[in-house]
């Protein structure tokens, strides 16, 4: 039999963790909702074609791929967080997301400037 030690967590720390988790969950679902509400606009901007239905289906396909890969990415970053630390892993994921957003913004701006949008 193994000895299990339990640590007492102060109510203030527990409250902070619950609030932080709630905020994170809200932001995540807000992001999904915004994507869903703006799907037609995203379809027009990123999948310009003669068929609006195909563009919308492509937009939802991108969303489906993102949802399908979430557990795998969570597993990867969870294991990485155990190895290099959670704070470093969270910082790295934020930087990766910011970089991807910046790249999309820059490519869209360049397309508009070139008259391709």
N, C-alpha and C. Protein backbone atom coordinates (compact mmCIF):
# COMPACT_ATOMS: atom_id res chain seq x y z
N UNK A 1 0.85 -1.17 0.00
CA UNK A 1 0.00 0.00 0.00
C UNK A 1 0.89 1.24 0.00
N UNK A 2 0.52 2.24 -0.76
CA UNK A 2 1.32 3.45 -0.84
C UNK A 2 0.76 4.51 0.09
N UNK A 3 1.64 5.35 0.55
CA UNK A 3 1.22 6.46 1.39
C UNK A 3 0.76 7.61 0.50
N UNK A 4 -0.39 8.11 0.76
CA UNK A 4 -0.92 9.24 0.01
C UNK A 4 -0.93 10.44 0.93
N UNK A 5 -0.27 11.50 0.48
CA UNK A 5 -0.28 12.72 1.28
C UNK A 5 -1.23 13.71 0.63
N UNK A 6 -1.96 14.37 1.45
CA UNK A 6 -2.88 15.40 0.95
C UNK A 6 -2.42 16.74 1.47
N UNK A 7 -2.49 17.72 0.60
CA UNK A 7 -2.15 19.07 0.99
C UNK A 7 -3.43 19.87 1.17
N UNK A 8 -3.44 20.68 2.17
CA UNK A 8 -4.58 21.56 2.38
C UNK A 8 -4.41 22.78 1.49
N UNK A 9 -5.46 23.09 0.77
CA UNK A 9 -5.46 24.27 -0.09
C UNK A 9 -6.34 25.32 0.57
N UNK A 10 -5.81 26.53 0.63
CA UNK A 10 -6.59 27.58 1.27
C UNK A 10 -7.82 27.90 0.42
N UNK A 11 -8.88 28.32 1.07
CA UNK A 11 -10.10 28.68 0.32
C UNK A 11 -9.85 29.79 -0.70
N UNK A 12 -8.96 30.72 -0.38
CA UNK A 12 -8.65 31.81 -1.31
C UNK A 12 -7.99 31.26 -2.58
N UNK A 13 -7.04 30.34 -2.42
CA UNK A 13 -6.38 29.74 -3.58
C UNK A 13 -7.37 28.93 -4.40
N UNK A 14 -8.21 28.17 -3.73
CA UNK A 14 -9.22 27.37 -4.42
C UNK A 14 -10.18 28.26 -5.20
N UNK A 15 -10.58 29.37 -4.61
CA UNK A 15 -11.47 30.31 -5.27
C UNK A 15 -10.79 30.91 -6.52
N UNK A 16 -9.51 31.26 -6.40
CA UNK A 16 -8.77 31.82 -7.55
C UNK A 16 -8.67 30.80 -8.69
N UNK A 17 -8.43 29.55 -8.35
CA UNK A 17 -8.33 28.50 -9.37
C UNK A 17 -9.67 28.31 -10.07
N UNK A 18 -10.74 28.28 -9.31
CA UNK A 18 -12.07 28.10 -9.89
C UNK A 18 -12.43 29.27 -10.79
N UNK A 19 -12.15 30.49 -10.35
CA UNK A 19 -12.44 31.67 -11.17
C UNK A 19 -11.60 31.65 -12.45
N UNK A 20 -10.33 31.32 -12.34
CA UNK A 20 -9.45 31.26 -13.52
C UNK A 20 -9.93 30.20 -14.50
N UNK A 21 -10.33 29.04 -14.00
CA UNK A 21 -10.84 27.98 -14.87
C UNK A 21 -12.15 28.42 -15.53
N UNK A 22 -13.00 29.10 -14.80
CA UNK A 22 -14.25 29.60 -15.36
C UNK A 22 -14.02 30.63 -16.45
N UNK A 23 -13.08 31.52 -16.23
CA UNK A 23 -12.76 32.53 -17.25
C UNK A 23 -12.19 31.86 -18.50
N UNK A 24 -11.30 30.90 -18.30
CA UNK A 24 -10.73 30.17 -19.43
C UNK A 24 -11.80 29.44 -20.23
N UNK A 25 -12.72 28.81 -19.54
CA UNK A 25 -13.81 28.09 -20.20
C UNK A 25 -14.71 29.07 -20.96
N UNK A 26 -15.01 30.21 -20.35
CA UNK A 26 -15.83 31.22 -21.02
C UNK A 26 -15.16 31.71 -22.30
N UNK A 27 -13.86 32.02 -22.22
CA UNK A 27 -13.15 32.52 -23.39
C UNK A 27 -13.14 31.48 -24.51
N UNK A 28 -12.94 30.22 -24.14
CA UNK A 28 -12.92 29.16 -25.14
C UNK A 28 -14.27 29.04 -25.85
N UNK A 29 -15.35 29.01 -25.10
CA UNK A 29 -16.67 28.88 -25.72
C UNK A 29 -17.07 30.15 -26.46
N UNK A 30 -16.62 31.30 -25.97
CA UNK A 30 -16.86 32.55 -26.69
C UNK A 30 -16.18 32.50 -28.05
N UNK A 31 -14.96 31.98 -28.09
CA UNK A 31 -14.22 31.84 -29.33
C UNK A 31 -14.98 30.94 -30.31
N UNK A 32 -15.47 29.81 -29.83
CA UNK A 32 -16.26 28.91 -30.69
C UNK A 32 -17.53 29.58 -31.18
N UNK A 33 -18.19 30.32 -30.31
CA UNK A 33 -19.44 31.00 -30.70
C UNK A 33 -19.18 32.07 -31.76
N UNK A 34 -18.12 32.85 -31.58
CA UNK A 34 -17.79 33.88 -32.56
C UNK A 34 -17.50 33.24 -33.92
N UNK A 35 -16.75 32.14 -33.90
CA UNK A 35 -16.46 31.44 -35.16
C UNK A 35 -17.75 30.98 -35.82
N UNK A 36 -18.65 30.43 -35.04
CA UNK A 36 -19.92 29.97 -35.60
C UNK A 36 -20.77 31.10 -36.15
N UNK A 37 -20.84 32.21 -35.40
CA UNK A 37 -21.64 33.34 -35.85
C UNK A 37 -21.05 34.00 -37.09
N UNK A 38 -19.74 34.00 -37.20
CA UNK A 38 -19.09 34.65 -38.33
C UNK A 38 -18.72 33.67 -39.45
N UNK A 39 -19.25 32.48 -39.42
CA UNK A 39 -18.88 31.45 -40.40
C UNK A 39 -19.14 31.92 -41.83
N UNK A 40 -20.24 32.59 -42.08
CA UNK A 40 -20.51 33.03 -43.45
C UNK A 40 -19.51 34.09 -43.91
N UNK A 41 -19.15 35.00 -43.02
CA UNK A 41 -18.15 36.02 -43.35
C UNK A 41 -16.79 35.39 -43.56
N UNK A 42 -16.43 34.46 -42.69
CA UNK A 42 -15.14 33.75 -42.83
C UNK A 42 -15.12 32.99 -44.15
N UNK A 43 -16.22 32.36 -44.50
CA UNK A 43 -16.31 31.61 -45.76
C UNK A 43 -16.07 32.53 -46.95
N UNK A 44 -16.64 33.72 -46.93
CA UNK A 44 -16.47 34.66 -48.04
C UNK A 44 -15.04 35.17 -48.13
N UNK A 45 -14.40 35.40 -46.98
CA UNK A 45 -13.07 36.00 -46.98
C UNK A 45 -11.95 35.00 -47.24
N UNK A 46 -12.08 33.78 -46.72
CA UNK A 46 -10.99 32.82 -46.80
C UNK A 46 -11.19 31.73 -47.85
N UNK A 47 -12.41 31.52 -48.29
CA UNK A 47 -12.70 30.51 -49.29
C UNK A 47 -13.51 31.12 -50.43
N UNK A 48 -12.94 32.11 -51.11
CA UNK A 48 -13.70 32.73 -52.19
C UNK A 48 -13.85 31.77 -53.37
N UNK A 49 -15.06 31.49 -53.68
CA UNK A 49 -15.36 30.64 -54.83
C UNK A 49 -16.73 31.02 -55.35
N UNK A 50 -17.08 30.43 -56.45
CA UNK A 50 -18.39 30.72 -57.02
C UNK A 50 -19.53 30.08 -56.24
N UNK A 51 -19.21 29.09 -55.41
CA UNK A 51 -20.24 28.36 -54.67
C UNK A 51 -20.18 28.71 -53.19
N UNK A 52 -21.15 29.47 -52.73
CA UNK A 52 -21.17 29.92 -51.33
C UNK A 52 -21.37 28.74 -50.37
N UNK A 53 -22.14 27.73 -50.79
CA UNK A 53 -22.37 26.56 -49.94
C UNK A 53 -21.08 25.77 -49.72
N UNK A 54 -20.29 25.61 -50.78
CA UNK A 54 -19.01 24.90 -50.65
C UNK A 54 -18.06 25.66 -49.75
N UNK A 55 -18.04 26.99 -49.87
CA UNK A 55 -17.17 27.81 -49.02
C UNK A 55 -17.58 27.68 -47.56
N UNK A 56 -18.88 27.67 -47.30
CA UNK A 56 -19.36 27.53 -45.93
C UNK A 56 -19.03 26.14 -45.37
N UNK A 57 -19.17 25.11 -46.21
CA UNK A 57 -18.80 23.76 -45.77
C UNK A 57 -17.31 23.65 -45.48
N UNK A 58 -16.48 24.32 -46.28
CA UNK A 58 -15.04 24.34 -46.01
C UNK A 58 -14.74 25.04 -44.69
N UNK A 59 -15.47 26.10 -44.41
CA UNK A 59 -15.28 26.82 -43.15
C UNK A 59 -15.63 25.93 -41.96
N UNK A 60 -16.72 25.21 -42.05
CA UNK A 60 -17.10 24.30 -40.97
C UNK A 60 -16.16 23.10 -40.90
N UNK A 61 -15.58 22.70 -42.02
CA UNK A 61 -14.61 21.60 -42.01
C UNK A 61 -13.35 22.01 -41.23
N UNK A 62 -12.92 23.24 -41.41
CA UNK A 62 -11.77 23.74 -40.64
C UNK A 62 -12.10 23.72 -39.15
N UNK A 63 -13.30 24.14 -38.81
CA UNK A 63 -13.75 24.11 -37.42
C UNK A 63 -13.78 22.68 -36.89
N UNK A 64 -14.27 21.75 -37.69
CA UNK A 64 -14.36 20.34 -37.26
C UNK A 64 -12.97 19.75 -37.03
N UNK A 65 -12.03 20.08 -37.89
CA UNK A 65 -10.65 19.59 -37.70
C UNK A 65 -10.08 20.13 -36.39
N UNK A 66 -10.33 21.39 -36.12
CA UNK A 66 -9.83 21.98 -34.87
C UNK A 66 -10.43 21.28 -33.65
N UNK A 67 -11.72 21.01 -33.70
CA UNK A 67 -12.39 20.33 -32.58
C UNK A 67 -11.88 18.88 -32.45
N UNK A 68 -11.67 18.22 -33.57
CA UNK A 68 -11.22 16.83 -33.54
C UNK A 68 -9.79 16.69 -32.98
N UNK A 69 -8.95 17.66 -33.25
CA UNK A 69 -7.57 17.58 -32.79
C UNK A 69 -7.36 18.08 -31.37
N UNK A 70 -8.36 18.70 -30.78
CA UNK A 70 -8.21 19.24 -29.43
C UNK A 70 -7.74 18.22 -28.40
N UNK A 71 -8.31 17.01 -28.35
CA UNK A 71 -7.83 16.05 -27.35
C UNK A 71 -6.37 15.65 -27.57
N UNK A 72 -5.95 15.50 -28.82
CA UNK A 72 -4.56 15.14 -29.09
C UNK A 72 -3.61 16.26 -28.70
N UNK A 73 -3.98 17.48 -29.03
CA UNK A 73 -3.14 18.62 -28.67
C UNK A 73 -3.11 18.79 -27.15
N UNK A 74 -4.25 18.57 -26.50
CA UNK A 74 -4.28 18.64 -25.04
C UNK A 74 -3.39 17.60 -24.40
N UNK A 75 -3.40 16.41 -24.95
CA UNK A 75 -2.52 15.35 -24.45
C UNK A 75 -1.05 15.72 -24.63
N UNK A 76 -0.72 16.24 -25.81
CA UNK A 76 0.66 16.63 -26.09
C UNK A 76 1.13 17.73 -25.13
N UNK A 77 0.35 18.81 -25.03
CA UNK A 77 0.76 19.92 -24.18
C UNK A 77 0.66 19.57 -22.70
N UNK A 78 -0.22 18.64 -22.35
CA UNK A 78 -0.29 18.18 -20.96
C UNK A 78 0.99 17.46 -20.56
N UNK A 79 1.46 16.58 -21.45
CA UNK A 79 2.72 15.87 -21.17
C UNK A 79 3.90 16.84 -21.19
N UNK A 80 3.86 17.79 -22.11
CA UNK A 80 4.93 18.79 -22.16
C UNK A 80 4.93 19.63 -20.89
N UNK A 81 3.74 19.96 -20.40
CA UNK A 81 3.64 20.73 -19.16
C UNK A 81 4.22 19.99 -17.97
N UNK A 82 4.08 18.67 -17.96
CA UNK A 82 4.66 17.88 -16.88
C UNK A 82 6.19 17.87 -16.96
N UNK A 83 6.73 17.95 -18.17
CA UNK A 83 8.18 17.90 -18.34
C UNK A 83 8.86 19.24 -18.13
N UNK A 84 8.33 20.29 -18.75
CA UNK A 84 9.03 21.58 -18.67
C UNK A 84 8.33 22.58 -17.75
N UNK A 85 7.18 22.23 -17.23
CA UNK A 85 6.47 23.12 -16.32
C UNK A 85 5.24 23.72 -16.97
N UNK A 86 4.21 23.86 -16.17
CA UNK A 86 2.94 24.35 -16.70
C UNK A 86 3.00 25.81 -17.12
N UNK A 87 3.69 26.63 -16.34
CA UNK A 87 3.76 28.06 -16.68
C UNK A 87 4.45 28.27 -18.02
N UNK A 88 5.54 27.56 -18.24
CA UNK A 88 6.26 27.68 -19.51
C UNK A 88 5.42 27.17 -20.67
N UNK A 89 4.67 26.09 -20.43
CA UNK A 89 3.83 25.53 -21.48
C UNK A 89 2.69 26.48 -21.83
N UNK A 90 2.07 27.07 -20.83
CA UNK A 90 0.99 28.02 -21.09
C UNK A 90 1.54 29.23 -21.85
N UNK A 91 2.70 29.73 -21.43
CA UNK A 91 3.30 30.86 -22.13
C UNK A 91 3.60 30.50 -23.59
N UNK A 92 4.09 29.29 -23.81
CA UNK A 92 4.41 28.86 -25.17
C UNK A 92 3.14 28.76 -26.02
N UNK A 93 2.06 28.21 -25.48
CA UNK A 93 0.82 28.09 -26.26
C UNK A 93 0.24 29.46 -26.58
N UNK A 94 0.34 30.38 -25.65
CA UNK A 94 -0.15 31.75 -25.91
C UNK A 94 0.66 32.39 -27.02
N UNK A 95 1.97 32.22 -26.99
CA UNK A 95 2.81 32.77 -28.05
C UNK A 95 2.52 32.11 -29.39
N UNK A 96 2.28 30.80 -29.40
CA UNK A 96 1.93 30.11 -30.64
C UNK A 96 0.61 30.64 -31.20
N UNK A 97 -0.39 30.83 -30.35
CA UNK A 97 -1.67 31.35 -30.81
C UNK A 97 -1.53 32.78 -31.31
N UNK A 98 -0.77 33.60 -30.60
CA UNK A 98 -0.56 34.99 -31.04
C UNK A 98 0.18 35.03 -32.37
N UNK A 99 1.15 34.15 -32.53
CA UNK A 99 1.90 34.09 -33.79
C UNK A 99 1.01 33.68 -34.95
N UNK A 100 0.14 32.70 -34.72
CA UNK A 100 -0.77 32.26 -35.77
C UNK A 100 -1.75 33.37 -36.13
N UNK A 101 -2.26 34.07 -35.13
CA UNK A 101 -3.18 35.17 -35.37
C UNK A 101 -2.48 36.29 -36.14
N UNK A 102 -1.26 36.60 -35.76
CA UNK A 102 -0.50 37.64 -36.45
C UNK A 102 -0.23 37.23 -37.89
N UNK A 103 0.11 35.97 -38.10
CA UNK A 103 0.36 35.50 -39.46
C UNK A 103 -0.86 35.59 -40.33
N UNK A 104 -2.02 35.22 -39.79
CA UNK A 104 -3.27 35.31 -40.56
C UNK A 104 -3.59 36.77 -40.86
N UNK A 105 -3.42 37.63 -39.86
CA UNK A 105 -3.69 39.06 -40.06
C UNK A 105 -2.77 39.67 -41.10
N UNK A 106 -1.50 39.31 -41.07
CA UNK A 106 -0.56 39.85 -42.04
C UNK A 106 -0.84 39.33 -43.44
N UNK A 107 -1.19 38.05 -43.57
CA UNK A 107 -1.47 37.51 -44.90
C UNK A 107 -2.75 38.12 -45.47
N UNK A 108 -3.72 38.37 -44.62
CA UNK A 108 -4.97 39.00 -45.08
C UNK A 108 -4.70 40.44 -45.51
N UNK A 109 -3.91 41.16 -44.72
CA UNK A 109 -3.57 42.54 -45.04
C UNK A 109 -2.79 42.60 -46.35
N UNK A 110 -1.86 41.66 -46.56
CA UNK A 110 -1.09 41.64 -47.79
C UNK A 110 -1.99 41.32 -48.98
N UNK A 111 -2.97 40.43 -48.80
CA UNK A 111 -3.89 40.11 -49.88
C UNK A 111 -4.76 41.31 -50.25
N UNK A 112 -5.19 42.06 -49.24
CA UNK A 112 -6.01 43.25 -49.50
C UNK A 112 -5.18 44.28 -50.23
N UNK A 113 -3.94 44.48 -49.79
CA UNK A 113 -3.07 45.45 -50.42
C UNK A 113 -2.77 45.08 -51.87
N UNK A 114 -2.68 43.78 -52.15
CA UNK A 114 -2.39 43.33 -53.51
C UNK A 114 -3.66 43.26 -54.37
N UNK A 115 -4.82 43.50 -53.77
CA UNK A 115 -6.07 43.48 -54.51
C UNK A 115 -6.61 42.08 -54.73
N UNK A 116 -6.19 41.12 -53.90
CA UNK A 116 -6.65 39.74 -54.09
C UNK A 116 -7.80 39.39 -53.18
N UNK A 117 -8.20 40.24 -52.28
CA UNK A 117 -9.27 39.89 -51.34
C UNK A 117 -10.62 40.21 -51.90
